[in-house]
PDB file of all heavy atoms in Angstrom:
ATOM      1  N   LYS A   1      -2.486   1.506  -5.697  1.00  0.00           N
ATOM      2  CA  LYS A   1      -1.748   2.604  -6.361  1.00  0.00           C
ATOM      3  C   LYS A   1      -2.069   3.901  -5.740  1.00  0.00           C
ATOM      4  O   LYS A   1      -3.287   3.996  -5.143  1.00  0.00           O
ATOM      5  CB  LYS A   1      -2.299   2.586  -7.908  1.00  0.00           C
ATOM      6  CG  LYS A   1      -1.918   1.307  -8.677  1.00  0.00           C
ATOM      7  CD  LYS A   1      -0.469   1.175  -8.925  1.00  0.00           C
ATOM      8  CE  LYS A   1      -0.161  -0.061  -9.842  1.00  0.00           C
ATOM      9  NZ  LYS A   1       1.275  -0.214 -10.093  1.00  0.00           N
ATOM     10  N   ASN A   2      -1.276   4.843  -5.812  1.00  0.00           N
ATOM     11  CA  ASN A   2      -1.640   6.147  -5.165  1.00  0.00           C
ATOM     12  C   ASN A   2      -2.594   7.041  -6.168  1.00  0.00           C
ATOM     13  O   ASN A   2      -2.576   6.881  -7.407  1.00  0.00           O
ATOM     14  CB  ASN A   2      -0.254   6.956  -4.937  1.00  0.00           C
ATOM     15  CG  ASN A   2       0.478   7.140  -6.197  1.00  0.00           C
ATOM     16  OD1 ASN A   2       0.826   6.235  -6.958  1.00  0.00           O
ATOM     17  ND2 ASN A   2       0.810   8.447  -6.455  1.00  0.00           N
ATOM     18  N   THR A   3      -3.424   7.801  -5.535  1.00  0.00           N
ATOM     19  CA  THR A   3      -4.352   8.597  -6.241  1.00  0.00           C
ATOM     20  C   THR A   3      -3.878  10.088  -6.136  1.00  0.00           C
ATOM     21  O   THR A   3      -4.489  10.904  -6.838  1.00  0.00           O
ATOM     22  CB  THR A   3      -5.674   8.504  -5.661  1.00  0.00           C
ATOM     23  OG1 THR A   3      -5.780   8.735  -4.314  1.00  0.00           O
ATOM     24  CG2 THR A   3      -6.356   7.130  -5.802  1.00  0.00           C
ATOM     25  N   LYS A   4      -2.912  10.306  -5.302  1.00  0.00           N
ATOM     26  CA  LYS A   4      -2.423  11.711  -5.126  1.00  0.00           C
ATOM     27  C   LYS A   4      -0.813  11.775  -5.168  1.00  0.00           C
ATOM     28  O   LYS A   4      -0.166  10.800  -4.684  1.00  0.00           O
ATOM     29  CB  LYS A   4      -2.952  12.184  -3.588  1.00  0.00           C
ATOM     30  CG  LYS A   4      -4.412  12.308  -3.636  1.00  0.00           C
ATOM     31  CD  LYS A   4      -4.642  12.903  -2.101  1.00  0.00           C
ATOM     32  CE  LYS A   4      -6.153  12.979  -1.836  1.00  0.00           C
ATOM     33  NZ  LYS A   4      -6.516  13.468  -0.511  1.00  0.00           N
ATOM     34  N   ASP A   5      -0.367  12.685  -5.740  1.00  0.00           N
ATOM     35  CA  ASP A   5       1.100  12.891  -5.909  1.00  0.00           C
ATOM     36  C   ASP A   5       1.595  13.739  -4.728  1.00  0.00           C
ATOM     37  O   ASP A   5       2.111  14.769  -4.963  1.00  0.00           O
ATOM     38  CB  ASP A   5       1.547  13.454  -7.235  1.00  0.00           C
ATOM     39  CG  ASP A   5       1.206  12.527  -8.409  1.00  0.00           C
ATOM     40  OD1 ASP A   5       1.390  11.394  -8.244  1.00  0.00           O
ATOM     41  OD2 ASP A   5       0.865  13.001  -9.473  1.00  0.00           O
ATOM     42  N   GLU A   6       1.478  13.212  -3.535  1.00  0.00           N
ATOM     43  CA  GLU A   6       1.987  13.882  -2.324  1.00  0.00           C
ATOM     44  C   GLU A   6       2.366  12.961  -1.302  1.00  0.00           C
ATOM     45  O   GLU A   6       1.829  11.673  -1.326  1.00  0.00           O
ATOM     46  CB  GLU A   6       0.888  14.917  -1.862  1.00  0.00           C
ATOM     47  CG  GLU A   6      -0.457  14.165  -1.310  1.00  0.00           C
ATOM     48  CD  GLU A   6      -1.343  15.094  -0.785  1.00  0.00           C
ATOM     49  OE1 GLU A   6      -2.122  15.738  -1.698  1.00  0.00           O
ATOM     50  OE2 GLU A   6      -1.604  15.181   0.422  1.00  0.00           O
ATOM     51  N   LYS A   7       3.391  13.152  -0.463  1.00  0.00           N
ATOM     52  CA  LYS A   7       3.770  12.266   0.609  1.00  0.00           C
ATOM     53  C   LYS A   7       2.778  12.180   1.494  1.00  0.00           C
ATOM     54  O   LYS A   7       1.829  13.106   1.877  1.00  0.00           O
ATOM     55  CB  LYS A   7       5.131  12.799   1.157  1.00  0.00           C
ATOM     56  CG  LYS A   7       6.375  12.738   0.318  1.00  0.00           C
ATOM     57  CD  LYS A   7       7.607  12.906   1.052  1.00  0.00           C
ATOM     58  CE  LYS A   7       7.936  11.800   1.998  1.00  0.00           C
ATOM     59  NZ  LYS A   7       8.198  10.536   1.274  1.00  0.00           N
ATOM     60  N   SER A   8       2.662  10.883   2.173  1.00  0.00           N
ATOM     61  CA  SER A   8       1.629  10.547   3.146  1.00  0.00           C
ATOM     62  C   SER A   8       2.191   9.427   3.942  1.00  0.00           C
ATOM     63  O   SER A   8       3.158   8.730   3.611  1.00  0.00           O
ATOM     64  CB  SER A   8       0.227  10.273   2.579  1.00  0.00           C
ATOM     65  OG  SER A   8       0.408   9.016   1.982  1.00  0.00           O
ATOM     66  N   VAL A   9       1.452   8.955   5.074  1.00  0.00           N
ATOM     67  CA  VAL A   9       1.735   7.855   5.766  1.00  0.00           C
ATOM     68  C   VAL A   9       1.574   6.647   4.935  1.00  0.00           C
ATOM     69  O   VAL A   9       1.897   5.500   5.427  1.00  0.00           O
ATOM     70  CB  VAL A   9       0.986   7.764   7.051  1.00  0.00           C
ATOM     71  CG1 VAL A   9       1.475   8.921   8.018  1.00  0.00           C
ATOM     72  CG2 VAL A   9      -0.461   7.740   6.816  1.00  0.00           C
ATOM     73  N   TYR A  10       0.996   6.698   3.774  1.00  0.00           N
ATOM     74  CA  TYR A  10       0.694   5.460   2.977  1.00  0.00           C
ATOM     75  C   TYR A  10       1.655   5.431   1.885  1.00  0.00           C
ATOM     76  O   TYR A  10       1.406   4.608   0.858  1.00  0.00           O
ATOM     77  CB  TYR A  10      -0.780   5.768   2.472  1.00  0.00           C
ATOM     78  CG  TYR A  10      -1.838   5.907   3.434  1.00  0.00           C
ATOM     79  CD1 TYR A  10      -2.323   7.113   3.587  1.00  0.00           C
ATOM     80  CD2 TYR A  10      -2.088   4.910   4.328  1.00  0.00           C
ATOM     81  CE1 TYR A  10      -3.280   7.458   4.532  1.00  0.00           C
ATOM     82  CE2 TYR A  10      -3.119   5.051   5.370  1.00  0.00           C
ATOM     83  CZ  TYR A  10      -3.676   6.395   5.519  1.00  0.00           C
ATOM     84  OH  TYR A  10      -4.574   6.613   6.543  1.00  0.00           O
ATOM     85  N   ASP A  11       2.770   6.005   1.888  1.00  0.00           N
ATOM     86  CA  ASP A  11       3.838   5.954   0.830  1.00  0.00           C
ATOM     87  C   ASP A  11       4.181   4.620   0.446  1.00  0.00           C
ATOM     88  O   ASP A  11       4.305   4.297  -0.797  1.00  0.00           O
ATOM     89  CB  ASP A  11       5.154   6.744   1.365  1.00  0.00           C
ATOM     90  CG  ASP A  11       4.988   8.098   1.333  1.00  0.00           C
ATOM     91  OD1 ASP A  11       4.047   8.661   1.015  1.00  0.00           O
ATOM     92  OD2 ASP A  11       6.110   8.820   1.585  1.00  0.00           O
ATOM     93  N   MET A  12       4.209   3.600   1.259  1.00  0.00           N
ATOM     94  CA  MET A  12       4.714   2.312   0.924  1.00  0.00           C
ATOM     95  C   MET A  12       3.751   1.535   0.130  1.00  0.00           C
ATOM     96  O   MET A  12       4.035   0.556  -0.571  1.00  0.00           O
ATOM     97  CB  MET A  12       5.042   1.501   2.208  1.00  0.00           C
ATOM     98  CG  MET A  12       3.946   0.989   3.125  1.00  0.00           C
ATOM     99  SD  MET A  12       4.360  -0.214   4.296  1.00  0.00           S
ATOM    100  CE  MET A  12       4.494  -1.705   3.386  1.00  0.00           C
ATOM    101  N   TYR A  13       2.423   2.155   0.158  1.00  0.00           N
ATOM    102  CA  TYR A  13       1.409   1.373  -0.589  1.00  0.00           C
ATOM    103  C   TYR A  13       1.080   2.178  -1.934  1.00  0.00           C
ATOM    104  O   TYR A  13       0.122   1.837  -2.554  1.00  0.00           O
ATOM    105  CB  TYR A  13       0.136   1.390   0.216  1.00  0.00           C
ATOM    106  CG  TYR A  13       0.269   0.563   1.513  1.00  0.00           C
ATOM    107  CD1 TYR A  13       0.285   1.198   2.650  1.00  0.00           C
ATOM    108  CD2 TYR A  13       0.422  -0.782   1.498  1.00  0.00           C
ATOM    109  CE1 TYR A  13       0.481   0.561   3.920  1.00  0.00           C
ATOM    110  CE2 TYR A  13       0.594  -1.552   2.647  1.00  0.00           C
ATOM    111  CZ  TYR A  13       0.606  -0.699   3.970  1.00  0.00           C
ATOM    112  OH  TYR A  13       0.870  -1.568   5.110  1.00  0.00           O
ATOM    113  N   TYR A  14       1.993   3.223  -2.269  1.00  0.00           N
ATOM    114  CA  TYR A  14       1.636   3.831  -3.612  1.00  0.00           C
ATOM    115  C   TYR A  14       1.861   2.974  -4.782  1.00  0.00           C
ATOM    116  O   TYR A  14       1.289   3.307  -5.878  1.00  0.00           O
ATOM    117  CB  TYR A  14       2.567   5.015  -3.673  1.00  0.00           C
ATOM    118  CG  TYR A  14       2.000   6.328  -2.938  1.00  0.00           C
ATOM    119  CD1 TYR A  14       0.952   6.125  -2.092  1.00  0.00           C
ATOM    120  CD2 TYR A  14       2.674   7.452  -2.823  1.00  0.00           C
ATOM    121  CE1 TYR A  14       0.437   7.161  -1.393  1.00  0.00           C
ATOM    122  CE2 TYR A  14       2.060   8.567  -2.215  1.00  0.00           C
ATOM    123  CZ  TYR A  14       1.046   8.480  -1.413  1.00  0.00           C
ATOM    124  OH  TYR A  14       0.547   9.467  -0.629  1.00  0.00           O
ATOM    125  N   ASP A  15       2.626   1.891  -4.660  1.00  0.00           N
ATOM    126  CA  ASP A  15       2.800   1.014  -5.836  1.00  0.00           C
ATOM    127  C   ASP A  15       3.110  -0.229  -5.174  1.00  0.00           C
ATOM    128  O   ASP A  15       4.308  -0.780  -5.160  1.00  0.00           O
ATOM    129  CB  ASP A  15       3.967   1.449  -6.716  1.00  0.00           C
ATOM    130  CG  ASP A  15       4.081   0.492  -8.071  1.00  0.00           C
ATOM    131  OD1 ASP A  15       3.036  -0.267  -8.273  1.00  0.00           O
ATOM    132  OD2 ASP A  15       4.987   0.763  -8.775  1.00  0.00           O
ATOM    133  N   TYR A  16       1.990  -1.065  -4.783  1.00  0.00           N
ATOM    134  CA  TYR A  16       2.208  -2.100  -3.849  1.00  0.00           C
ATOM    135  C   TYR A  16       1.367  -3.370  -4.307  1.00  0.00           C
ATOM    136  O   TYR A  16       0.250  -3.210  -4.854  1.00  0.00           O
ATOM    137  CB  TYR A  16       1.901  -1.744  -2.456  1.00  0.00           C
ATOM    138  CG  TYR A  16       2.114  -2.824  -1.388  1.00  0.00           C
ATOM    139  CD1 TYR A  16       3.333  -3.094  -0.957  1.00  0.00           C
ATOM    140  CD2 TYR A  16       1.060  -3.539  -0.922  1.00  0.00           C
ATOM    141  CE1 TYR A  16       3.529  -3.908   0.092  1.00  0.00           C
ATOM    142  CE2 TYR A  16       1.200  -4.603   0.170  1.00  0.00           C
ATOM    143  CZ  TYR A  16       2.441  -4.696   0.567  1.00  0.00           C
ATOM    144  OH  TYR A  16       2.743  -5.681   1.587  1.00  0.00           O
ATOM    145  N   SER A  17       1.858  -4.549  -4.110  1.00  0.00           N
ATOM    146  CA  SER A  17       1.064  -5.723  -4.390  1.00  0.00           C
ATOM    147  C   SER A  17       1.404  -6.802  -3.388  1.00  0.00           C
ATOM    148  O   SER A  17       2.587  -6.877  -3.007  1.00  0.00           O
ATOM    149  CB  SER A  17       1.141  -6.316  -5.739  1.00  0.00           C
ATOM    150  OG  SER A  17       2.496  -6.710  -6.060  1.00  0.00           O
ATOM    151  N   GLU A  18       0.399  -7.512  -2.981  1.00  0.00           N
ATOM    152  CA  GLU A  18       0.728  -8.919  -2.093  1.00  0.00           C
ATOM    153  C   GLU A  18      -0.365  -9.765  -2.255  1.00  0.00           C
ATOM    154  O   GLU A  18      -1.529  -9.360  -2.474  1.00  0.00           O
ATOM    155  CB  GLU A  18       0.939  -8.227  -0.566  1.00  0.00           C
ATOM    156  CG  GLU A  18       1.184  -9.412   0.314  1.00  0.00           C
ATOM    157  CD  GLU A  18       1.543  -8.951   1.788  1.00  0.00           C
ATOM    158  OE1 GLU A  18       1.549  -7.665   1.907  1.00  0.00           O
ATOM    159  OE2 GLU A  18       1.919  -9.807   2.570  1.00  0.00           O
ATOM    160  N   ALA A  19       0.008 -11.043  -2.084  1.00  0.00           N
ATOM    161  CA  ALA A  19      -0.975 -12.126  -2.266  1.00  0.00           C
ATOM    162  C   ALA A  19      -2.042 -12.030  -1.136  1.00  0.00           C
ATOM    163  O   ALA A  19      -1.616 -11.796  -0.037  1.00  0.00           O
ATOM    164  CB  ALA A  19      -0.047 -13.585  -2.153  1.00  0.00           C
ATOM    165  N   VAL A  20      -3.189 -12.376  -1.610  1.00  0.00           N
ATOM    166  CA  VAL A  20      -4.449 -12.365  -0.580  1.00  0.00           C
ATOM    167  C   VAL A  20      -4.083 -13.306   0.610  1.00  0.00           C
ATOM    168  O   VAL A  20      -4.273 -13.094   1.676  1.00  0.00           O
ATOM    169  CB  VAL A  20      -5.688 -12.772  -1.340  1.00  0.00           C
ATOM    170  CG1 VAL A  20      -6.726 -13.078  -0.360  1.00  0.00           C
ATOM    171  CG2 VAL A  20      -6.043 -11.718  -2.334  1.00  0.00           C
ATOM    172  N   LYS A  21      -3.528 -14.449   0.202  1.00  0.00           N
ATOM    173  CA  LYS A  21      -3.308 -15.489   1.365  1.00  0.00           C
ATOM    174  C   LYS A  21      -2.226 -15.160   2.281  1.00  0.00           C
ATOM    175  O   LYS A  21      -2.142 -15.782   3.374  1.00  0.00           O
ATOM    176  CB  LYS A  21      -2.948 -16.771   0.627  1.00  0.00           C
ATOM    177  CG  LYS A  21      -1.681 -16.928  -0.095  1.00  0.00           C
ATOM    178  CD  LYS A  21      -1.456 -18.278  -0.662  1.00  0.00           C
ATOM    179  CE  LYS A  21      -0.139 -18.366  -1.447  1.00  0.00           C
ATOM    180  NZ  LYS A  21       0.025 -19.660  -2.106  1.00  0.00           N
ATOM    181  N   THR A  22      -1.316 -14.126   1.970  1.00  0.00           N
ATOM    182  CA  THR A  22      -0.315 -13.763   3.007  1.00  0.00           C
ATOM    183  C   THR A  22      -0.331 -12.428   3.496  1.00  0.00           C
ATOM    184  O   THR A  22       0.375 -12.103   4.466  1.00  0.00           O
ATOM    185  CB  THR A  22       1.118 -13.905   2.318  1.00  0.00           C
ATOM    186  OG1 THR A  22       1.217 -13.000   1.127  1.00  0.00           O
ATOM    187  CG2 THR A  22       1.334 -15.348   1.744  1.00  0.00           C
ATOM    188  N   ILE A  23      -1.167 -11.454   3.083  1.00  0.00           N
ATOM    189  CA  ILE A  23      -1.269 -10.166   3.497  1.00  0.00           C
ATOM    190  C   ILE A  23      -1.580 -10.062   4.957  1.00  0.00           C
ATOM    191  O   ILE A  23      -2.534 -10.715   5.497  1.00  0.00           O
ATOM    192  CB  ILE A  23      -2.190  -9.332   2.519  1.00  0.00           C
ATOM    193  CG1 ILE A  23      -2.075  -7.773   2.937  1.00  0.00           C
ATOM    194  CG2 ILE A  23      -3.582  -9.765   2.793  1.00  0.00           C
ATOM    195  CD1 ILE A  23      -2.548  -6.899   1.873  1.00  0.00           C
ATOM    196  N   ALA A  24      -0.823  -9.452   5.677  1.00  0.00           N
ATOM    197  CA  ALA A  24      -0.930  -9.216   7.121  1.00  0.00           C
ATOM    198  C   ALA A  24      -2.124  -8.362   7.484  1.00  0.00           C
ATOM    199  O   ALA A  24      -2.385  -7.366   6.841  1.00  0.00           O
ATOM    200  CB  ALA A  24       0.301  -8.600   7.842  1.00  0.00           C
ATOM    201  N   PRO A  25      -2.818  -8.621   8.550  1.00  0.00           N
ATOM    202  CA  PRO A  25      -4.072  -7.983   8.967  1.00  0.00           C
ATOM    203  C   PRO A  25      -3.854  -6.397   9.218  1.00  0.00           C
ATOM    204  O   PRO A  25      -4.639  -5.677   8.804  1.00  0.00           O
ATOM    205  CB  PRO A  25      -4.373  -8.531  10.307  1.00  0.00           C
ATOM    206  CG  PRO A  25      -3.952  -9.972  10.209  1.00  0.00           C
ATOM    207  CD  PRO A  25      -2.714  -9.918   9.508  1.00  0.00           C
ATOM    208  N   HIS A  26      -2.637  -6.117   9.720  1.00  0.00           N
ATOM    209  CA  HIS A  26      -2.380  -4.662   9.836  1.00  0.00           C
ATOM    210  C   HIS A  26      -2.177  -3.903   8.686  1.00  0.00           C
ATOM    211  O   HIS A  26      -2.487  -2.761   8.558  1.00  0.00           O
ATOM    212  CB  HIS A  26      -1.194  -4.463  10.876  1.00  0.00           C
ATOM    213  CG  HIS A  26       0.123  -4.830  10.366  1.00  0.00           C
ATOM    214  ND1 HIS A  26       0.634  -6.032  10.596  1.00  0.00           N
ATOM    215  CD2 HIS A  26       1.075  -4.105   9.732  1.00  0.00           C
ATOM    216  CE1 HIS A  26       1.798  -6.180   9.951  1.00  0.00           C
ATOM    217  NE2 HIS A  26       2.054  -4.966   9.444  1.00  0.00           N
ATOM    218  N   ARG A  27      -1.710  -4.629   7.469  1.00  0.00           N
ATOM    219  CA  ARG A  27      -1.449  -3.934   6.298  1.00  0.00           C
ATOM    220  C   ARG A  27      -2.947  -3.823   5.612  1.00  0.00           C
ATOM    221  O   ARG A  27      -3.206  -2.908   4.907  1.00  0.00           O
ATOM    222  CB  ARG A  27      -0.566  -4.798   5.403  1.00  0.00           C
ATOM    223  CG  ARG A  27       0.825  -4.596   5.826  1.00  0.00           C
ATOM    224  CD  ARG A  27       1.799  -4.897   4.691  1.00  0.00           C
ATOM    225  NE  ARG A  27       1.984  -6.350   4.598  1.00  0.00           N
ATOM    226  CZ  ARG A  27       2.797  -7.020   5.209  1.00  0.00           C
ATOM    227  NH1 ARG A  27       3.628  -6.451   6.081  1.00  0.00           N
ATOM    228  NH2 ARG A  27       2.911  -8.418   5.001  1.00  0.00           N
TER     229      ARG A  27
END
């Protein structure tokens, strides 16, 4: 979840979830 209400390069992770077993290393 985001901790700041401002745009950043991390926008796609502001409300994001993914399974531990599938999450890609670069993510």
